[in-house]
Amino acid sequence: FSLSRKMQASEAAETVQTFGKKKNSIAVAHVKRGKGLLKVNGSPIELLMPETLRYKIFEPVLLVGTEKFKEVDIRVRVRGGGNTSQVYAIRQAIAKGIVAFYQKYVDEQSKREIKDTLVQFDRSLLVADPRRCEPKKFGGRGARARFQKSYR
């Protein structure tokens, strides 16, 4: 009885938490052993809107291969920012999550293969984009643009 409980606890402990960021969006992905669930804010990834950006989220899944995602469940929570930056944050969280899971619970060799594949396709899948919105200054209508100069 106690042995089975320990096994259940060790299986439940096989979880990795990673995050993805883009502008003001932050996505947190919980990756654990499972049967291939992929959910964003509680709804399946296939129902994500807008449809044109849905393919962006499937990129890490398609690159790594669906067989690697068959044995893990990924639940993503995302907040902040707009549609596009949320999608980029989600795909980064998923990509970082699968790499971290393979590093921690599978083996280093397969982790390196996954990482190389992702980085070769698009570095932003694993490395956050540091660009942020620049604050507006006085004397103009934007961060850099100035009001037009007039002499009279």
C-alpha atoms as a PDB file:
ATOM      1  CA  PHE A   1       0.000   0.000   0.000  1.00  0.00           C
ATOM      2  CA  SER A   2       2.695   2.519   0.982  1.00  0.00           C
ATOM      3  CA  LEU A   3       4.792   1.526  -2.025  1.00  0.00           C
ATOM      4  CA  SER A   4       1.983   2.320  -4.463  1.00  0.00           C
ATOM      5  CA  ARG A   5       1.425   5.688  -2.784  1.00  0.00           C
ATOM      6  CA  LYS A   6       5.114   6.520  -3.176  1.00  0.00           C
ATOM      7  CA  MET A   7       4.931   5.580  -6.848  1.00  0.00           C
ATOM      8  CA  GLN A   8       1.886   7.809  -7.304  1.00  0.00           C
ATOM      9  CA  ALA A   9       3.671  10.685  -5.587  1.00  0.00           C
ATOM     10  CA  SER A  10       6.738  10.273  -7.803  1.00  0.00           C
ATOM     11  CA  GLU A  11       4.561  10.191 -10.921  1.00  0.00           C
ATOM     12  CA  ALA A  12       2.672  13.284  -9.798  1.00  0.00           C
ATOM     13  CA  ALA A  13       5.980  15.004  -9.134  1.00  0.00           C
ATOM     14  CA  GLU A  14       7.093  14.593 -12.760  1.00  0.00           C
ATOM     15  CA  THR A  15       6.117  18.112 -13.700  1.00  0.00           C
ATOM     16  CA  VAL A  16       7.960  21.110 -15.099  1.00  0.00           C
ATOM     17  CA  GLN A  17       6.865  24.743 -15.041  1.00  0.00           C
ATOM     18  CA  THR A  18       8.220  27.117 -17.686  1.00  0.00           C
ATOM     19  CA  PHE A  19       7.300  30.554 -18.953  1.00  0.00           C
ATOM     20  CA  GLY A  20       7.343  32.460 -22.208  1.00  0.00           C
ATOM     21  CA  LYS A  21       7.348  36.225 -22.600  1.00  0.00           C
ATOM     22  CA  LYS A  22       6.686  38.642 -25.426  1.00  0.00           C
ATOM     23  CA  LYS A  23       6.125  42.369 -24.825  1.00  0.00           C
ATOM     24  CA  ASN A  24       3.559  42.466 -21.982  1.00  0.00           C
ATOM     25  CA  SER A  25       2.322  38.882 -22.387  1.00  0.00           C
ATOM     26  CA  ILE A  26       3.389  36.166 -19.984  1.00  0.00           C
ATOM     27  CA  ALA A  27       2.516  32.510 -20.566  1.00  0.00           C
ATOM     28  CA  VAL A  28       3.178  29.847 -17.927  1.00  0.00           C
ATOM     29  CA  ALA A  29       3.242  26.220 -19.093  1.00  0.00           C
ATOM     30  CA  HIS A  30       2.822  23.215 -16.787  1.00  0.00           C
ATOM     31  CA  VAL A  31       4.283  20.130 -18.462  1.00  0.00           C
ATOM     32  CA  LYS A  32       3.682  16.711 -16.908  1.00  0.00           C
ATOM     33  CA  ARG A  33       3.462  13.095 -17.973  1.00  0.00           C
ATOM     34  CA  GLY A  34       0.139  12.350 -19.594  1.00  0.00           C
ATOM     35  CA  LYS A  35      -1.556  11.447 -22.822  1.00  0.00           C
ATOM     36  CA  GLY A  36      -0.966  14.409 -25.122  1.00  0.00           C
ATOM     37  CA  LEU A  37      -3.242  17.145 -23.780  1.00  0.00           C
ATOM     38  CA  LEU A  38      -2.527  20.667 -25.003  1.00  0.00           C
ATOM     39  CA  LYS A  39      -4.686  23.332 -23.366  1.00  0.00           C
ATOM     40  CA  VAL A  40      -4.475  27.125 -23.262  1.00  0.00           C
ATOM     41  CA  ASN A  41      -6.433  28.835 -20.473  1.00  0.00           C
ATOM     42  CA  GLY A  42      -8.485  25.664 -20.044  1.00  0.00           C
ATOM     43  CA  SER A  43      -9.614  25.314 -23.671  1.00  0.00           C
ATOM     44  CA  PRO A  44      -8.071  23.020 -26.319  1.00  0.00           C
ATOM     45  CA  ILE A  45      -5.344  24.522 -28.483  1.00  0.00           C
ATOM     46  CA  GLU A  46      -7.373  23.732 -31.626  1.00  0.00           C
ATOM     47  CA  LEU A  47     -10.014  26.306 -30.639  1.00  0.00           C
ATOM     48  CA  LEU A  48      -7.587  29.189 -30.182  1.00  0.00           C
ATOM     49  CA  MET A  49      -8.485  32.385 -32.003  1.00  0.00           C
ATOM     50  CA  PRO A  50      -7.443  34.078 -34.304  1.00  0.00           C
ATOM     51  CA  GLU A  51      -7.130  31.137 -36.649  1.00  0.00           C
ATOM     52  CA  THR A  52      -4.189  32.564 -38.618  1.00  0.00           C
ATOM     53  CA  LEU A  53      -2.041  32.673 -35.478  1.00  0.00           C
ATOM     54  CA  ARG A  54      -3.037  29.152 -34.414  1.00  0.00           C
ATOM     55  CA  TYR A  55      -0.369  27.668 -36.686  1.00  0.00           C
ATOM     56  CA  LYS A  56       2.276  29.654 -34.802  1.00  0.00           C
ATOM     57  CA  ILE A  57       1.390  27.740 -31.635  1.00  0.00           C
ATOM     58  CA  PHE A  58       1.601  24.399 -33.448  1.00  0.00           C
ATOM     59  CA  GLU A  59       5.150  25.162 -34.681  1.00  0.00           C
ATOM     60  CA  PRO A  60       7.014  23.628 -31.702  1.00  0.00           C
ATOM     61  CA  VAL A  61       4.696  20.581 -31.812  1.00  0.00           C
ATOM     62  CA  LEU A  62       5.227  20.037 -35.543  1.00  0.00           C
ATOM     63  CA  LEU A  63       8.987  20.672 -35.394  1.00  0.00           C
ATOM     64  CA  VAL A  64       9.706  18.293 -32.529  1.00  0.00           C
ATOM     65  CA  GLY A  65       7.181  15.734 -33.752  1.00  0.00           C
ATOM     66  CA  THR A  66       3.832  14.733 -32.340  1.00  0.00           C
ATOM     67  CA  GLU A  67       5.186  11.454 -30.901  1.00  0.00           C
ATOM     68  CA  LYS A  68       7.253  13.405 -28.352  1.00  0.00           C
ATOM     69  CA  PHE A  69       4.140  15.331 -27.287  1.00  0.00           C
ATOM     70  CA  LYS A  70       2.056  12.136 -26.967  1.00  0.00           C
ATOM     71  CA  GLU A  71       3.484  11.308 -23.539  1.00  0.00           C
ATOM     72  CA  VAL A  72       3.117  14.784 -21.968  1.00  0.00           C
ATOM     73  CA  ASP A  73       0.218  17.021 -20.948  1.00  0.00           C
ATOM     74  CA  ILE A  74       0.775  20.753 -21.353  1.00  0.00           C
ATOM     75  CA  ARG A  75      -1.480  23.312 -19.696  1.00  0.00           C
ATOM     76  CA  VAL A  76      -0.727  26.960 -20.465  1.00  0.00           C
ATOM     77  CA  ARG A  77      -2.011  30.046 -18.661  1.00  0.00           C
ATOM     78  CA  VAL A  78      -1.512  33.319 -20.519  1.00  0.00           C
ATOM     79  CA  ARG A  79      -2.278  36.910 -19.587  1.00  0.00           C
ATOM     80  CA  GLY A  80      -1.430  40.438 -20.693  1.00  0.00           C
ATOM     81  CA  GLY A  81      -0.668  41.922 -24.092  1.00  0.00           C
ATOM     82  CA  GLY A  82      -2.559  41.458 -27.344  1.00  0.00           C
ATOM     83  CA  ASN A  83      -3.395  38.467 -29.547  1.00  0.00           C
ATOM     84  CA  THR A  84      -0.075  38.224 -31.371  1.00  0.00           C
ATOM     85  CA  SER A  85       2.185  38.678 -28.372  1.00  0.00           C
ATOM     86  CA  GLN A  86       0.122  36.144 -26.395  1.00  0.00           C
ATOM     87  CA  VAL A  87       0.558  33.592 -29.185  1.00  0.00           C
ATOM     88  CA  TYR A  88       4.322  34.172 -29.260  1.00  0.00           C
ATOM     89  CA  ALA A  89       4.477  33.833 -25.464  1.00  0.00           C
ATOM     90  CA  ILE A  90       2.467  30.571 -25.608  1.00  0.00           C
ATOM     91  CA  ARG A  91       4.691  28.990 -28.268  1.00  0.00           C
ATOM     92  CA  GLN A  92       7.801  29.963 -26.325  1.00  0.00           C
ATOM     93  CA  ALA A  93       6.394  28.484 -23.096  1.00  0.00           C
ATOM     94  CA  ILE A  94       5.506  25.221 -24.878  1.00  0.00           C
ATOM     95  CA  ALA A  95       8.932  24.941 -26.522  1.00  0.00           C
ATOM     96  CA  LYS A  96      10.825  25.710 -23.310  1.00  0.00           C
ATOM     97  CA  GLY A  97       8.558  23.324 -21.401  1.00  0.00           C
ATOM     98  CA  ILE A  98       9.201  20.313 -23.623  1.00  0.00           C
ATOM     99  CA  VAL A  99      12.971  20.971 -23.534  1.00  0.00           C
ATOM    100  CA  ALA A 100      12.957  21.282 -19.725  1.00  0.00           C
ATOM    101  CA  PHE A 101      10.829  18.146 -19.334  1.00  0.00           C
ATOM    102  CA  TYR A 102      13.147  16.074 -21.514  1.00  0.00           C
ATOM    103  CA  GLN A 103      16.186  17.412 -19.671  1.00  0.00           C
ATOM    104  CA  LYS A 104      14.762  16.606 -16.243  1.00  0.00           C
ATOM    105  CA  TYR A 105      12.893  13.331 -16.766  1.00  0.00           C
ATOM    106  CA  VAL A 106      14.075  11.738 -20.022  1.00  0.00           C
ATOM    107  CA  ASP A 107      17.673  12.035 -21.245  1.00  0.00           C
ATOM    108  CA  GLU A 108      20.180  14.696 -22.234  1.00  0.00           C
ATOM    109  CA  GLN A 109      20.640  13.371 -25.782  1.00  0.00           C
ATOM    110  CA  SER A 110      16.991  13.728 -26.834  1.00  0.00           C
ATOM    111  CA  LYS A 111      16.821  17.108 -25.078  1.00  0.00           C
ATOM    112  CA  ARG A 112      19.771  18.340 -27.143  1.00  0.00           C
ATOM    113  CA  GLU A 113      18.161  17.108 -30.378  1.00  0.00           C
ATOM    114  CA  ILE A 114      14.898  18.914 -29.564  1.00  0.00           C
ATOM    115  CA  LYS A 115      16.737  22.098 -28.594  1.00  0.00           C
ATOM    116  CA  ASP A 116      18.872  22.115 -31.755  1.00  0.00           C
ATOM    117  CA  THR A 117      15.799  21.584 -33.940  1.00  0.00           C
ATOM    118  CA  LEU A 118      13.917  24.452 -32.297  1.00  0.00           C
ATOM    119  CA  VAL A 119      16.847  26.893 -32.333  1.00  0.00           C
ATOM    120  CA  GLN A 120      17.631  26.108 -35.963  1.00  0.00           C
ATOM    121  CA  PHE A 121      14.048  26.941 -36.942  1.00  0.00           C
ATOM    122  CA  ASP A 122      13.513  30.055 -34.809  1.00  0.00           C
ATOM    123  CA  ARG A 123      15.645  31.237 -31.898  1.00  0.00           C
ATOM    124  CA  SER A 124      12.695  33.107 -30.334  1.00  0.00           C
ATOM    125  CA  LEU A 125      11.137  29.721 -29.496  1.00  0.00           C
ATOM    126  CA  LEU A 126      13.633  29.358 -26.639  1.00  0.00           C
ATOM    127  CA  VAL A 127      15.122  32.832 -26.107  1.00  0.00           C
ATOM    128  CA  ALA A 128      12.912  35.728 -24.990  1.00  0.00           C
ATOM    129  CA  ASP A 129      12.777  38.900 -27.081  1.00  0.00           C
ATOM    130  CA  PRO A 130      14.146  41.711 -24.870  1.00  0.00           C
ATOM    131  CA  ARG A 131      12.505  44.560 -26.829  1.00  0.00           C
ATOM    132  CA  ARG A 132      10.012  46.626 -24.852  1.00  0.00           C
ATOM    133  CA  CYS A 133       7.855  49.653 -25.599  1.00  0.00           C
ATOM    134  CA  GLU A 134       9.798  52.880 -25.139  1.00  0.00           C
ATOM    135  CA  PRO A 135       8.105  55.510 -22.942  1.00  0.00           C
ATOM    136  CA  LYS A 136       6.783  58.712 -24.477  1.00  0.00           C
ATOM    137  CA  LYS A 137       8.694  61.918 -23.755  1.00  0.00           C
ATOM    138  CA  PHE A 138       7.581  65.534 -23.622  1.00  0.00           C
ATOM    139  CA  GLY A 139       7.925  67.801 -26.662  1.00  0.00           C
ATOM    140  CA  GLY A 140       6.453  65.267 -29.056  1.00  0.00           C
ATOM    141  CA  ARG A 141       3.652  62.817 -29.681  1.00  0.00           C
ATOM    142  CA  GLY A 142       5.721  59.652 -29.227  1.00  0.00           C
ATOM    143  CA  ALA A 143       8.948  58.211 -27.879  1.00  0.00           C
ATOM    144  CA  ARG A 144      11.116  59.675 -30.653  1.00  0.00           C
ATOM    145  CA  ALA A 145       8.855  61.826 -32.845  1.00  0.00           C
ATOM    146  CA  ARG A 146       8.935  65.554 -32.037  1.00  0.00           C
ATOM    147  CA  PHE A 147       6.352  68.233 -32.713  1.00  0.00           C
ATOM    148  CA  GLN A 148       7.009  70.180 -35.918  1.00  0.00           C
ATOM    149  CA  LYS A 149       9.133  73.266 -35.432  1.00  0.00           C
ATOM    150  CA  SER A 150       7.560  76.599 -36.386  1.00  0.00           C
ATOM    151  CA  TYR A 151       9.139  80.059 -36.321  1.00  0.00           C
ATOM    152  CA  ARG A 152       5.947  82.142 -36.027  1.00  0.00           C
END
